[in-house]
Amino acid sequence: MTVELDLTADPVDLTAVLVDVPSVSENEADLADAVERALRALRHLEVTRSGNTVMARTNLGRERRVVFAGHIDTVPINDNLPSRREGGVLHGCGTVDMKGGDAVMLHLAATITEPRHDVTFVFYDCEEIDASRNGLGRIERGELKDWLLGDVAVVCEPSNGVIEAGCQGTMRIEIRTTGKRAHTARAWMGVNAIHALGEALRRLDAYEPRIVEIDGCTYREGLQAVKIDGGVAGNVVPDSAVLTVNHRFAPDRDLAAAEKHLREVFDGFDVAVVDHAAGALPGLQAPPAKELVEAAGGQPVAKLGWTDVARFAALGMPAVNFGPGDPTLAHTKEEHVHVQQISDCARVLARWLTGA
């Protein structure tokens, strides 16, 4: 499929064109080709590509650099292509997550040739699948890492057109208990490993999560059991069981502090960390971030999930989420975006980049 993109078109119309180019994770080549062709036609940008990640940047010698990032892949199509527009709403796979944000970025790249900050645009692949495939991670580990560096990063993930600052960290643990098998007719001869999880579940039920305020943003933590495995047969006392718990924690805690906290909560149990990702502090005191808040004209809120802003935070950069669309609609068959949010986000970011 060969598609020619008009990056100077209305960002709403551009969103519809992007949506109509299928780009399910690992199948982004057609869209990456179109994005690369369109960006290489812009003389004021330096452009490079790694796999299906396309990057472009200005080199104007400005004092600061802003990095915009947006993934071009989507979850599998669910009978929601091609796009369709009904009044002020655009429907279709990727309208929210996150081709509306990509369209805003592409429009900015084409129409703002003399920004007051140098600007880098990163359109990356494989965000919706295993983190090891994520295009940002691949760039960070390779020779093009310098393309990700700047003074502030804006990830144009859907945020309902509100600045969502930083993000929570996440950690998943497994709590294992052991027992002794026996026939359930002679249960007293065994030790039930599932019953042994009862105390861990009681601690979870009584747990009171923290509410943390950072830079005026309120992060609400959480600790939830998400899975229980155990059992041998309908007439056997189980000799092993596993309780999986997910912890979402405010970015004032690093991974070591989060793990220490969980081991304290479940003291006396066999605890193993099986997955983790650090959070990102909001960083709203950095000068470019302050300017963005002023341009948006609203109160930033905390990002209560995890996003790729954490990757930029790990590189020492403040980072925020700012893009069109309701994130609760992402990955649903009913995915849609109010076109006014696309227009508003484009206007806010243009005002920030130009100082107009």
Foldseek 3Di string as FASTA:
>chain_A
DADAADLQDDLLVRLLVLQQPAAAFPRNQRVLVNLQVNLVVAPQWDWDDDDSKIKIKGDPPAPWEEEEEAESHAHDFDPFDDWDDDVQKITGTQVQRPSLLVSLVSNCSRPPSDFNHIYMYMYWGDPVDDPVPTRLVVCCPDPNVVSLDTAEYEYAHADQQFKAFWEWKKWKKKWKFFKAKDFQVPPVVIGARVVVCVVVVVLQVPDDWDWDAAPNATETKHKDFDDKDWDDDPGMRTGMMMIMMMITGDLVDFPVRVVVVVCVSVPPTDMDIDDIAHIAHRPCVRVLNVLLCVLSVDDHYHHHHHDCLSVVVVVVHTYIYGHWADVVLGPPNGGMTRVVSSVSSSNSVSCSRHVD
